[in-house]
């Protein structure tokens, strides 16, 4: 981690969302972070030099749980713990209301470059045209939303009670299918993050990766006749005594679609890069000193990896140290994320 660059002026509490903006020509990008201190911050990132300069700071009325950039990168769509869905215009630092859920908005994703999907603890997923003030569609979920991802016309939402929902939207057609989370690993584990993976030539998903609280990532194929569910163990440490392992939650995952690699971050305070084709680990960092990594993000061109260090409360309130402030780091991953022969 000595090569990793610390981002200036981070939030004062744990980071709940971390998102790179869409990649455009040139070397600049934007990085947004939402925090439990109710702040939303945006930095201008020079991906060639690794530098980051503060661009925007907005103090919200409540904590933003997730965020996603608009397709052109000018607005940040956000869902908060009270159920509000809003848009932040970075140039003017102003908020616009999009809509509401009846409970906290856990997930925000962009579909078809212009449709915003939000999934909530109120057991619904809503679809918005951000230019309007009402939802354009709504889907009932089998439980509270825990995590989601979207790619083009397809979204995957992981819910409570070990249920998954896939939602296909194209034109005026909507198709919904419910799945059971694969029964691999600890029976009481939960899904913390979802990452859709696509085929080598098509833009449509072939499956999705599920990051779980028992130090495991599961790949589940999208076609019901394909029995190729597989998993790998990660973010585990051998106990100082005996042969068993301590298991740590996989807090977030991000997919590099072009290189078929996956980044994972965990409660053990490390990040790992995986070759999805060879199903093998490519690289593992050292652990942060008794701190977790709560969120991560990959730049749109796949060159820069960002991750947020802070307490995730997995050990309870007695281990919280107010003297340890959250931090955000970036590193070049051009070599890290290349598949090795």
Protein backbone atom coordinates (compact mmCIF):
# COMPACT_ATOMS: atom_id res chain seq x y z
CA UNK A 1 0.00 0.00 0.00
CA UNK A 2 3.03 2.29 0.03
CA UNK A 3 2.34 3.13 -3.64
CA UNK A 4 -1.20 4.26 -2.87
CA UNK A 5 -1.98 7.99 -2.91
CA UNK A 6 -4.11 9.48 -0.15
CA UNK A 7 -6.97 11.72 -1.28
CA UNK A 8 -7.03 15.08 0.47
CA UNK A 9 -9.93 16.40 2.59
CA UNK A 10 -11.79 13.10 3.20
CA UNK A 11 -15.04 12.88 5.19
CA UNK A 12 -14.96 12.76 8.98
CA UNK A 13 -16.98 9.52 9.30
CA UNK A 14 -17.09 6.16 7.51
CA UNK A 15 -17.70 6.26 3.75
CA UNK A 16 -21.02 4.80 2.58
CA UNK A 17 -20.58 5.29 -1.19
CA UNK A 18 -17.55 5.75 -3.47
CA UNK A 19 -18.00 6.26 -7.21
CA UNK A 20 -15.83 7.31 -10.15
CA UNK A 21 -17.58 9.36 -12.79
CA UNK A 22 -17.90 8.17 -16.40
CA UNK A 23 -14.67 8.13 -18.39
CA UNK A 24 -14.21 10.75 -21.07
CA UNK A 25 -11.37 11.55 -23.44
CA UNK A 26 -8.33 12.95 -21.69
CA UNK A 27 -6.97 12.08 -18.27
CA UNK A 28 -9.39 13.77 -15.91
CA UNK A 29 -12.23 12.07 -14.05
CA UNK A 30 -14.36 12.69 -10.99
CA UNK A 31 -14.55 10.76 -7.75
CA UNK A 32 -17.52 11.13 -5.40
CA UNK A 33 -17.79 9.97 -1.79
CA UNK A 34 -20.77 9.98 0.56
CA UNK A 35 -20.30 9.57 4.29
CA UNK A 36 -22.12 8.97 7.54
CA UNK A 37 -21.16 12.54 8.48
CA UNK A 38 -23.93 13.55 5.97
CA UNK A 39 -21.43 14.99 3.51
CA UNK A 40 -21.11 14.36 -0.23
CA UNK A 41 -17.72 15.27 -1.69
CA UNK A 42 -16.40 15.34 -5.26
CA UNK A 43 -12.78 15.49 -6.42
CA UNK A 44 -11.29 16.10 -9.85
CA UNK A 45 -8.87 13.23 -10.50
CA UNK A 46 -5.94 13.34 -12.87
CA UNK A 47 -5.64 9.65 -13.71
CA UNK A 48 -2.26 10.15 -15.38
CA UNK A 49 -0.60 11.70 -12.32
CA UNK A 50 -2.81 10.25 -9.58
CA UNK A 51 -3.60 13.66 -8.10
CA UNK A 52 -7.03 14.69 -6.79
CA UNK A 53 -8.33 18.20 -6.16
CA UNK A 54 -11.54 18.98 -4.19
CA UNK A 55 -14.30 20.13 -6.52
CA UNK A 56 -17.55 20.10 -4.53
CA UNK A 57 -18.75 19.65 -0.95
CA UNK A 58 -22.44 19.44 -0.05
CA UNK A 59 -23.82 18.82 3.44
CA UNK A 60 -27.03 16.78 3.28
CA UNK A 61 -29.95 16.62 5.72
CA UNK A 62 -29.30 12.89 6.22
CA UNK A 63 -26.79 10.22 5.25
CA UNK A 64 -26.55 9.18 1.60
CA UNK A 65 -26.34 5.37 1.38
CA UNK A 66 -25.55 5.06 -2.33
CA UNK A 67 -24.91 7.19 -5.39
CA UNK A 68 -24.39 6.86 -9.13
CA UNK A 69 -23.24 9.36 -11.76
CA UNK A 70 -25.36 10.51 -14.68
CA UNK A 71 -24.11 9.26 -18.04
CA UNK A 72 -22.49 12.60 -18.91
CA UNK A 73 -20.95 13.02 -15.45
CA UNK A 74 -22.52 16.36 -14.56
CA UNK A 75 -24.91 15.12 -11.85
CA UNK A 76 -24.71 12.66 -8.99
CA UNK A 77 -27.92 10.72 -8.28
CA UNK A 78 -28.26 9.79 -4.61
CA UNK A 79 -30.51 7.87 -2.23
CA UNK A 80 -30.47 8.55 1.50
CA UNK A 81 -31.36 6.82 4.74
CA UNK A 82 -34.77 8.53 4.95
CA UNK A 83 -35.87 7.41 1.46
CA UNK A 84 -35.21 10.60 -0.52
CA UNK A 85 -33.87 10.32 -4.09
CA UNK A 86 -32.04 13.48 -5.22
CA UNK A 87 -29.63 14.79 -7.84
CA UNK A 88 -26.59 16.95 -7.07
CA UNK A 89 -25.43 19.27 -9.85
CA UNK A 90 -21.66 19.39 -9.37
CA UNK A 91 -21.14 22.64 -11.29
CA UNK A 92 -23.63 24.63 -9.21
CA UNK A 93 -23.57 22.51 -6.00
CA UNK A 94 -27.38 22.47 -5.97
CA UNK A 95 -29.85 19.68 -5.16
CA UNK A 96 -32.92 18.64 -7.14
CA UNK A 97 -35.56 16.27 -5.78
CA UNK A 98 -36.30 13.23 -7.94
CA UNK A 99 -38.62 11.22 -5.68
CA UNK A 100 -39.10 9.18 -2.53
CA UNK A 101 -39.18 5.69 -1.06
CA UNK A 102 -40.90 4.82 2.20
CA UNK A 103 -37.60 3.74 3.79
CA UNK A 104 -33.85 4.07 3.23
CA UNK A 105 -32.52 3.83 -0.34
CA UNK A 106 -29.74 1.23 -0.23
CA UNK A 107 -28.94 1.07 -3.97
CA UNK A 108 -28.65 3.41 -6.96
CA UNK A 109 -27.83 2.23 -10.49
CA UNK A 110 -28.05 3.64 -14.00
CA UNK A 111 -29.64 1.59 -16.80
CA UNK A 112 -29.70 2.35 -20.53
CA UNK A 113 -27.63 5.50 -19.85
CA UNK A 114 -30.69 7.44 -18.71
CA UNK A 115 -32.93 5.38 -16.41
CA UNK A 116 -32.16 5.59 -12.69
CA UNK A 117 -33.00 2.52 -10.61
CA UNK A 118 -33.24 2.81 -6.82
CA UNK A 119 -33.78 -0.15 -4.47
CA UNK A 120 -34.93 0.36 -0.92
CA UNK A 121 -35.50 -1.13 2.50
CA UNK A 122 -39.21 -0.61 1.77
CA UNK A 123 -39.00 -3.75 -0.45
CA UNK A 124 -39.43 -1.91 -3.75
CA UNK A 125 -37.26 -0.97 -6.70
CA UNK A 126 -38.26 2.17 -8.55
CA UNK A 127 -37.25 3.43 -11.97
CA UNK A 128 -36.95 7.14 -12.69
CA UNK A 129 -36.42 9.55 -15.51
CA UNK A 130 -34.39 12.09 -13.49
CA UNK A 131 -35.94 14.90 -15.50
CA UNK A 132 -39.38 14.04 -14.04
CA UNK A 133 -40.73 14.17 -10.50
CA UNK A 134 -42.36 10.73 -10.40
CA UNK A 135 -41.26 7.14 -10.96
CA UNK A 136 -41.86 5.57 -14.38
CA UNK A 137 -42.04 2.00 -13.05
CA UNK A 138 -41.99 0.10 -9.77
CA UNK A 139 -41.16 -3.53 -8.87
CA UNK A 140 -41.91 -5.28 -5.58
CA UNK A 141 -38.88 -6.96 -4.06
CA UNK A 142 -38.97 -10.23 -2.05
CA UNK A 143 -37.26 -8.47 0.86
CA UNK A 144 -35.27 -5.40 1.89
CA UNK A 145 -32.68 -4.37 -0.70
CA UNK A 146 -29.12 -5.12 0.37
CA UNK A 147 -27.08 -4.58 -2.82
CA UNK A 148 -27.47 -4.25 -6.59
CA UNK A 149 -25.77 -3.74 -9.93
CA UNK A 150 -26.99 -2.91 -13.43
CA UNK A 151 -25.66 -3.32 -16.95
CA UNK A 152 -27.52 -1.92 -19.95
CA UNK A 153 -31.04 -3.42 -19.78
CA UNK A 154 -30.50 -5.76 -16.80
CA UNK A 155 -30.41 -5.14 -13.04
CA UNK A 156 -29.73 -7.59 -10.21
CA UNK A 157 -30.94 -6.82 -6.68
CA UNK A 158 -29.87 -8.89 -3.66
CA UNK A 159 -32.47 -8.86 -0.90
CA UNK A 160 -33.02 -10.11 2.62
CA UNK A 161 -34.10 -13.72 3.17
CA UNK A 162 -31.42 -14.85 0.69
CA UNK A 163 -33.42 -13.79 -2.36
CA UNK A 164 -32.26 -12.22 -5.63
CA UNK A 165 -34.29 -10.44 -8.28
CA UNK A 166 -33.28 -9.90 -11.90
CA UNK A 167 -35.10 -7.12 -13.74
CA UNK A 168 -34.95 -6.84 -17.55
CA UNK A 169 -36.16 -3.59 -19.08
CA UNK A 170 -36.17 -2.95 -22.81
CA UNK A 171 -38.53 -0.61 -24.62
CA UNK A 172 -41.86 -0.89 -22.85
CA UNK A 173 -41.22 -4.50 -21.81
CA UNK A 174 -40.33 -5.49 -18.26
CA UNK A 175 -39.42 -9.00 -17.10
CA UNK A 176 -38.79 -9.94 -13.47
CA UNK A 177 -37.38 -13.20 -12.16
CA UNK A 178 -36.71 -14.30 -8.59
CA UNK A 179 -33.72 -16.42 -7.60
CA UNK A 180 -32.46 -18.09 -4.46
CA UNK A 181 -28.97 -17.08 -3.37
CA UNK A 182 -26.66 -20.09 -3.92
CA UNK A 183 -26.27 -22.12 -0.73
CA UNK A 184 -22.47 -22.07 -0.61
CA UNK A 185 -20.63 -21.19 2.59
CA UNK A 186 -22.09 -20.08 5.91
CA UNK A 187 -25.87 -20.39 6.07
CA UNK A 188 -26.28 -17.12 8.00
CA UNK A 189 -24.14 -14.97 5.68
CA UNK A 190 -25.53 -11.96 3.81
CA UNK A 191 -24.79 -10.39 0.43
CA UNK A 192 -22.94 -7.07 0.76
CA UNK A 193 -22.30 -6.24 -2.92
CA UNK A 194 -23.18 -7.38 -6.45
CA UNK A 195 -21.12 -7.12 -9.65
CA UNK A 196 -22.57 -8.14 -13.02
CA UNK A 197 -20.23 -9.80 -15.52
CA UNK A 198 -20.81 -9.84 -19.28
CA UNK A 199 -19.68 -12.12 -22.10
CA UNK A 200 -16.59 -11.50 -24.19
CA UNK A 201 -18.53 -10.14 -27.17
CA UNK A 202 -22.03 -9.30 -25.95
CA UNK A 203 -23.05 -6.37 -23.77
CA UNK A 204 -25.57 -8.49 -21.89
CA UNK A 205 -24.76 -10.20 -18.57
CA UNK A 206 -23.74 -13.84 -18.36
CA UNK A 207 -23.92 -13.84 -14.56
CA UNK A 208 -23.13 -11.92 -11.41
CA UNK A 209 -20.74 -12.04 -8.48
CA UNK A 210 -22.14 -11.91 -4.94
CA UNK A 211 -19.87 -10.62 -2.16
CA UNK A 212 -20.80 -12.13 1.19
CA UNK A 213 -20.16 -11.57 4.87
CA UNK A 214 -18.46 -14.97 5.33
CA UNK A 215 -15.35 -14.10 3.30
CA UNK A 216 -16.63 -15.60 0.07
CA UNK A 217 -17.59 -14.44 -3.44
CA UNK A 218 -20.06 -16.53 -5.47
CA UNK A 219 -20.51 -16.37 -9.24
CA UNK A 220 -24.06 -17.26 -10.35
CA UNK A 221 -24.84 -17.64 -14.09
CA UNK A 222 -27.81 -15.82 -15.62
CA UNK A 223 -29.04 -18.77 -17.69
CA UNK A 224 -31.04 -21.23 -15.58
CA UNK A 225 -29.82 -24.24 -17.62
CA UNK A 226 -26.15 -23.39 -17.01
CA UNK A 227 -24.97 -25.17 -13.86
CA UNK A 228 -21.71 -23.32 -13.46
CA UNK A 229 -22.09 -21.65 -10.08
CA UNK A 230 -18.69 -21.38 -8.45
CA UNK A 231 -17.08 -19.46 -5.59
CA UNK A 232 -13.77 -18.42 -4.13
CA UNK A 233 -12.71 -17.72 -0.57
CA UNK A 234 -11.17 -14.34 0.23
CA UNK A 235 -10.52 -11.90 3.08
CA UNK A 236 -9.69 -14.68 5.51
CA UNK A 237 -6.83 -14.93 7.95
CA UNK A 238 -5.40 -18.04 9.52
CA UNK A 239 -5.91 -17.93 13.27
CA UNK A 240 -2.82 -17.46 15.39
CA UNK A 241 -3.56 -20.74 17.13
CA UNK A 242 -4.91 -23.85 15.44
CA UNK A 243 -5.69 -24.43 11.77
CA UNK A 244 -8.98 -22.56 11.41
CA UNK A 245 -9.47 -19.19 9.73
CA UNK A 246 -11.06 -15.92 10.83
CA UNK A 247 -13.66 -14.88 8.26
CA UNK A 248 -14.16 -11.25 7.27
CA UNK A 249 -16.99 -9.65 5.33
CA UNK A 250 -16.42 -8.77 1.67
CA UNK A 251 -17.75 -5.21 1.82
CA UNK A 252 -17.59 -4.30 -1.86
CA UNK A 253 -16.63 -5.63 -5.30
CA UNK A 254 -16.04 -3.98 -8.66
CA UNK A 255 -15.76 -5.61 -12.09
CA UNK A 256 -13.33 -4.65 -14.86
CA UNK A 257 -15.33 -5.90 -17.83
CA UNK A 258 -12.61 -5.48 -20.45
CA UNK A 259 -9.92 -7.41 -18.58
CA UNK A 260 -12.29 -9.88 -16.86
CA UNK A 261 -10.86 -9.04 -13.46
CA UNK A 262 -12.54 -8.38 -10.15
CA UNK A 263 -11.55 -6.20 -7.19
CA UNK A 264 -12.73 -7.05 -3.67
CA UNK A 265 -12.35 -5.16 -0.37
CA UNK A 266 -13.06 -6.44 3.10
CA UNK A 267 -13.40 -5.98 6.83
CA UNK A 268 -9.86 -7.35 7.20
CA UNK A 269 -8.58 -4.04 5.77
CA UNK A 270 -7.18 -5.46 2.52
CA UNK A 271 -8.04 -5.39 -1.17
CA UNK A 272 -7.61 -8.26 -3.60
CA UNK A 273 -7.63 -8.54 -7.40
CA UNK A 274 -8.94 -11.68 -9.10
CA UNK A 275 -8.68 -13.19 -12.59
CA UNK A 276 -12.26 -14.27 -13.32
CA UNK A 277 -11.27 -16.41 -16.31
CA UNK A 278 -8.65 -18.42 -14.44
CA UNK A 279 -10.58 -18.17 -11.17
CA UNK A 280 -7.43 -17.26 -9.30
CA UNK A 281 -6.15 -14.43 -7.12
CA UNK A 282 -3.74 -12.08 -8.87
CA UNK A 283 -2.77 -9.76 -6.02
CA UNK A 284 -3.49 -9.16 -2.32
CA UNK A 285 -2.57 -6.05 -0.35
CA UNK A 286 -1.42 -5.93 3.23
CA UNK A 287 -4.09 -5.12 5.80
CA UNK A 288 -4.77 -1.70 7.23
CA UNK A 289 -4.00 -1.42 10.94
CA UNK A 290 -7.22 -2.74 12.58
CA UNK A 291 -9.31 -0.79 10.04
CA UNK A 292 -11.77 -2.03 7.43
CA UNK A 293 -12.15 -1.06 3.78
CA UNK A 294 -15.80 -0.12 3.37
CA UNK A 295 -16.08 0.79 -0.33
CA UNK A 296 -14.12 0.72 -3.59
CA UNK A 297 -14.42 1.96 -7.16
CA UNK A 298 -12.67 1.58 -10.53
CA UNK A 299 -12.28 4.48 -12.95
CA UNK A 300 -14.16 4.15 -16.22
CA UNK A 301 -10.98 3.41 -18.16
CA UNK A 302 -9.93 0.77 -15.62
CA UNK A 303 -6.67 2.56 -14.81
CA UNK A 304 -7.28 3.75 -11.24
CA UNK A 305 -8.60 1.92 -8.19
CA UNK A 306 -9.98 3.89 -5.23
CA UNK A 307 -10.86 2.53 -1.80
CA UNK A 308 -12.18 3.93 1.47
CA UNK A 309 -10.65 2.98 4.83
CA UNK A 310 -12.75 3.34 7.98
CA UNK A 311 -14.61 1.46 10.68
CA UNK A 312 -17.50 -0.69 9.43
CA UNK A 313 -18.83 -1.63 12.90
CA UNK A 314 -18.39 -5.35 12.20
CA UNK A 315 -16.73 -5.79 15.62
CA UNK A 316 -19.27 -3.73 17.55
CA UNK A 317 -19.17 -0.33 19.23
CA UNK A 318 -16.47 -1.35 21.72
CA UNK A 319 -13.84 -1.43 18.97
CA UNK A 320 -14.70 1.99 17.56
CA UNK A 321 -11.78 4.40 17.91
CA UNK A 322 -12.81 8.04 17.28
CA UNK A 323 -9.14 8.98 16.90
CA UNK A 324 -8.94 6.95 13.68
CA UNK A 325 -10.39 9.03 10.87
CA UNK A 326 -11.55 7.60 7.53
CA UNK A 327 -9.26 7.90 4.53
CA UNK A 328 -9.55 7.45 0.78
CA UNK A 329 -6.69 6.11 -1.31
CA UNK A 330 -6.07 5.66 -5.03
CA UNK A 331 -3.59 3.52 -6.92
CA UNK A 332 -2.73 2.81 -10.54
CA UNK A 333 -3.83 -0.72 -11.40
CA UNK A 334 -2.75 -0.97 -15.02
CA UNK A 335 -0.36 -3.77 -14.11
CA UNK A 336 -2.25 -5.12 -11.08
CA UNK A 337 -5.41 -5.84 -13.06
CA UNK A 338 -3.73 -7.46 -16.07
CA UNK A 339 -4.28 -11.19 -16.34
CA UNK A 340 -1.05 -13.06 -15.73
CA UNK A 341 -0.01 -15.99 -17.80
